[in-house]
Amino acid sequence: MSNQENKAITLAVTGASGAPYALRLLQELSNHYSVVYLMLSSAARVVLATECGVQVSKAPSSIEQTLAQNLDIDPGRIKVFSSDNWMSPVASGSSAPKQMIVCPCSTGTLSAIANGASDNLIERAADVVMKERGQLILVPRETPFNTIHLENMTRLSQMGVTIMPASPGFYNEPQSIDDLVDFMVARILDHLDIDHSLGHRWGYNGN
């Protein structure tokens, strides 16, 4: 385990394409944090089923069990909150983790966060992390970006948010989709200051 053990982190999954990134990231985070506070938008559940064949219901406890079984994770390491659970820890600066990732991040969620909408728990949780001067990482998966997308990203970046588009590199000579997914998850873990062995870095052959 890393030095992040016994801490919590927030992970939100929205309806952009890129569900494999979210599942692999959840798997890795569960190895390094005592609990992952997880939120899925309604569109995210559709994308999980479409891209990964993972069917999840709306019930938080059912989502926890389904993901734990599919990813071979201790179910005690995942705590799912519904989009309107305003009494959850992530809704308040007095109890929310200081780190949060939205992966993948739809451009609609990106816009809502950039403009402080806080209309659902994902948006509120992101707002809390920003106001508490925590670490927020957004992983947008869209192409091409229009001017509104870019302006929202710039605005958030100026506020200290890390914008990390799902753009895997190829210098590690990926042999599979899993390798591409691991590349992005590795970059996220790097920004969380978590040691990992997902692929090799630029300038190293991994031997």
Protein backbone atom coordinates (compact mmCIF):
# COMPACT_ATOMS: atom_id res chain seq x y z
CA MET A 1 0.00 0.00 0.00
CA SER A 2 1.07 3.59 -0.60
CA ASN A 3 1.25 6.44 1.88
CA GLN A 4 -2.32 7.29 0.81
CA GLU A 5 -3.61 4.30 2.79
CA ASN A 6 -6.25 5.16 5.38
CA LYS A 7 -7.34 8.18 3.37
CA ALA A 8 -10.42 8.67 1.23
CA ILE A 9 -10.69 9.97 -2.32
CA THR A 10 -13.67 10.94 -4.47
CA LEU A 11 -14.23 9.52 -7.95
CA ALA A 12 -17.06 10.67 -10.19
CA VAL A 13 -17.96 8.96 -13.46
CA THR A 14 -20.05 10.83 -16.01
CA GLY A 15 -21.54 10.04 -19.40
CA ALA A 16 -18.60 10.74 -21.68
CA SER A 17 -17.09 7.81 -23.56
CA GLY A 18 -14.24 6.22 -21.63
CA ALA A 19 -15.81 3.83 -19.13
CA PRO A 20 -12.75 1.52 -19.25
CA TYR A 21 -10.66 4.36 -17.83
CA ALA A 22 -13.08 4.74 -14.94
CA LEU A 23 -13.14 1.05 -14.04
CA ARG A 24 -9.37 0.65 -14.19
CA LEU A 25 -8.89 3.81 -12.16
CA LEU A 26 -11.37 2.63 -9.55
CA GLN A 27 -9.49 -0.65 -9.31
CA GLU A 28 -6.17 1.15 -8.75
CA LEU A 29 -7.55 3.70 -6.31
CA SER A 30 -9.03 0.92 -4.18
CA ASN A 31 -5.50 -0.45 -3.78
CA HIS A 32 -4.17 2.84 -2.42
CA TYR A 33 -7.01 4.41 -0.44
CA SER A 34 -9.04 3.04 2.41
CA VAL A 35 -12.26 4.08 0.68
CA VAL A 36 -13.26 5.49 -2.69
CA TYR A 37 -16.33 7.71 -2.55
CA LEU A 38 -17.97 6.96 -5.90
CA MET A 39 -20.68 8.76 -7.84
CA LEU A 40 -22.12 7.73 -11.20
CA SER A 41 -24.35 9.90 -13.31
CA SER A 42 -27.35 8.28 -15.02
CA ALA A 43 -25.55 8.63 -18.36
CA ALA A 44 -22.47 6.95 -16.87
CA ARG A 45 -24.51 3.84 -16.12
CA VAL A 46 -25.56 3.70 -19.77
CA VAL A 47 -21.96 4.09 -20.97
CA LEU A 48 -20.72 1.42 -18.55
CA ALA A 49 -23.21 -1.03 -20.02
CA THR A 50 -22.45 -0.01 -23.62
CA GLU A 51 -18.66 0.05 -23.46
CA CYS A 52 -17.87 -2.52 -20.76
CA GLY A 53 -20.96 -4.70 -20.48
CA VAL A 54 -21.29 -3.75 -16.81
CA GLN A 55 -24.93 -3.36 -15.83
CA VAL A 56 -25.49 -1.34 -12.67
CA SER A 57 -28.75 -0.31 -11.05
CA LYS A 58 -29.55 2.99 -9.34
CA ALA A 59 -29.25 1.51 -5.86
CA PRO A 60 -25.88 2.48 -4.28
CA SER A 61 -25.46 -0.83 -2.43
CA SER A 62 -26.14 -2.78 -5.61
CA ILE A 63 -23.58 -0.68 -7.53
CA GLU A 64 -20.99 -1.35 -4.84
CA GLN A 65 -21.51 -5.11 -5.05
CA THR A 66 -21.57 -5.21 -8.85
CA LEU A 67 -18.36 -3.20 -9.27
CA ALA A 68 -16.60 -5.07 -6.49
CA GLN A 69 -17.39 -8.38 -8.15
CA ASN A 70 -16.45 -7.23 -11.65
CA LEU A 71 -13.18 -5.65 -10.56
CA ASP A 72 -12.24 -8.06 -7.76
CA ILE A 73 -12.29 -5.26 -5.19
CA ASP A 74 -13.12 -5.47 -1.52
CA PRO A 75 -16.67 -4.01 -1.45
CA GLY A 76 -15.76 -2.23 1.76
CA ARG A 77 -13.41 -0.03 -0.25
CA ILE A 78 -16.21 1.47 -2.36
CA LYS A 79 -18.89 3.78 -1.03
CA VAL A 80 -21.44 4.88 -3.64
CA PHE A 81 -23.60 7.98 -3.24
CA SER A 82 -26.67 8.83 -5.28
CA SER A 83 -26.78 12.14 -7.15
CA ASP A 84 -29.16 13.71 -4.62
CA ASN A 85 -27.54 12.48 -1.39
CA TRP A 86 -26.81 15.90 0.05
CA MET A 87 -25.95 14.39 3.44
CA SER A 88 -22.94 12.52 2.05
CA PRO A 89 -19.41 13.47 3.18
CA VAL A 90 -18.46 14.81 -0.26
CA ALA A 91 -21.15 17.51 -0.04
CA SER A 92 -19.42 19.45 2.73
CA GLY A 93 -16.00 20.98 3.11
CA SER A 94 -15.91 19.79 6.72
CA SER A 95 -15.72 16.13 5.68
CA ALA A 96 -14.98 15.81 1.96
CA PRO A 97 -11.70 14.28 0.79
CA LYS A 98 -9.16 16.79 -0.49
CA GLN A 99 -8.72 14.86 -3.75
CA MET A 100 -11.30 14.21 -6.47
CA ILE A 101 -11.21 12.90 -10.02
CA VAL A 102 -13.96 13.08 -12.63
CA CYS A 103 -13.17 10.34 -15.14
CA PRO A 104 -14.39 10.46 -17.77
CA CYS A 105 -15.70 14.00 -17.54
CA SER A 106 -18.44 14.99 -19.96
CA THR A 107 -18.33 18.50 -21.38
CA GLY A 108 -21.68 19.14 -19.71
CA THR A 109 -20.19 18.33 -16.30
CA LEU A 110 -17.12 20.36 -17.19
CA SER A 111 -19.34 23.36 -17.93
CA ALA A 112 -21.37 22.94 -14.75
CA ILE A 113 -18.23 22.77 -12.61
CA ALA A 114 -16.68 25.77 -14.36
CA ASN A 115 -19.80 27.82 -13.67
CA GLY A 116 -20.46 26.63 -10.12
CA ALA A 117 -23.82 25.05 -10.92
CA SER A 118 -23.82 22.46 -8.09
CA ASP A 119 -27.15 21.04 -9.32
CA ASN A 120 -26.21 17.47 -8.39
CA LEU A 121 -23.79 15.78 -6.00
CA ILE A 122 -21.01 15.39 -8.57
CA GLU A 123 -21.03 19.12 -9.31
CA ARG A 124 -21.31 19.99 -5.62
CA ALA A 125 -18.44 17.67 -4.67
CA ALA A 126 -16.20 19.29 -7.28
CA ASP A 127 -17.19 22.73 -6.03
CA VAL A 128 -16.31 21.69 -2.47
CA VAL A 129 -12.85 20.47 -3.47
CA MET A 130 -12.15 23.75 -5.29
CA LYS A 131 -13.38 25.98 -2.46
CA GLU A 132 -11.33 23.99 0.04
CA ARG A 133 -8.25 24.39 -2.18
CA GLY A 134 -7.99 20.65 -2.75
CA GLN A 135 -6.88 18.69 -5.81
CA LEU A 136 -9.41 18.28 -8.61
CA ILE A 137 -8.55 16.33 -11.77
CA LEU A 138 -10.91 16.33 -14.74
CA VAL A 139 -10.47 13.81 -17.56
CA PRO A 140 -12.53 15.06 -20.52
CA ARG A 141 -13.08 12.69 -23.45
CA GLU A 142 -14.38 14.67 -26.38
CA THR A 143 -13.11 15.56 -29.83
CA PRO A 144 -12.89 18.07 -31.26
CA PHE A 145 -13.19 20.66 -28.52
CA ASN A 146 -15.24 23.72 -29.37
CA THR A 147 -14.46 27.19 -28.08
CA ILE A 148 -16.88 26.85 -25.15
CA HIS A 149 -15.16 23.64 -24.02
CA LEU A 150 -11.75 25.30 -24.25
CA GLU A 151 -12.89 28.41 -22.41
CA ASN A 152 -14.31 26.27 -19.60
CA MET A 153 -11.06 24.30 -19.37
CA THR A 154 -9.03 27.50 -19.28
CA ARG A 155 -11.21 28.95 -16.56
CA LEU A 156 -10.86 25.83 -14.43
CA SER A 157 -7.13 25.57 -15.06
CA GLN A 158 -6.71 29.14 -13.86
CA MET A 159 -8.43 28.09 -10.62
CA GLY A 160 -5.93 25.28 -10.09
CA VAL A 161 -7.89 22.38 -11.56
CA THR A 162 -5.86 19.82 -13.52
CA ILE A 163 -7.32 19.23 -16.99
CA MET A 164 -6.12 15.86 -18.25
CA PRO A 165 -7.77 14.89 -21.56
CA ALA A 166 -7.93 11.16 -22.21
CA SER A 167 -5.08 11.25 -24.74
CA PRO A 168 -2.89 8.17 -24.26
CA GLY A 169 0.66 8.22 -25.59
CA PHE A 170 2.23 5.59 -27.83
CA TYR A 171 5.92 5.75 -26.88
CA ASN A 172 5.48 2.68 -24.67
CA GLU A 173 4.42 0.69 -27.76
CA PRO A 174 0.98 -0.39 -26.51
CA GLN A 175 -0.09 -3.86 -27.57
CA SER A 176 -3.70 -3.68 -26.45
CA ILE A 177 -6.52 -1.37 -25.45
CA ASP A 178 -5.68 -2.23 -21.85
CA ASP A 179 -2.22 -0.74 -22.38
CA LEU A 180 -3.78 2.51 -23.60
CA VAL A 181 -6.13 2.60 -20.64
CA ASP A 182 -3.24 1.95 -18.24
CA PHE A 183 -1.29 4.84 -19.75
CA MET A 184 -3.99 7.33 -18.77
CA VAL A 185 -4.59 5.78 -15.37
CA ALA A 186 -0.84 5.92 -14.72
CA ARG A 187 -0.76 9.65 -15.49
CA ILE A 188 -3.64 10.23 -13.08
CA LEU A 189 -1.84 8.25 -10.37
CA ASP A 190 1.30 10.31 -11.01
CA HIS A 191 -0.63 13.49 -10.25
CA LEU A 192 -1.96 11.90 -7.06
CA ASP A 193 1.65 11.15 -6.07
CA ILE A 194 1.00 7.41 -6.02
CA ASP A 195 3.73 4.91 -6.85
CA HIS A 196 2.71 2.40 -9.49
CA SER A 197 4.03 0.01 -12.10
CA LEU A 198 1.58 0.64 -14.95
CA GLY A 199 3.87 0.66 -17.96
CA HIS A 200 7.24 2.35 -18.31
CA ARG A 201 8.08 6.02 -18.48
CA TRP A 202 9.61 8.06 -21.26
CA GLY A 203 13.31 7.30 -21.54
CA TYR A 204 13.04 3.95 -19.76
CA ASN A 205 12.45 0.57 -21.32
CA GLY A 206 10.95 -0.91 -18.18
CA ASN A 207 13.76 -3.42 -17.68
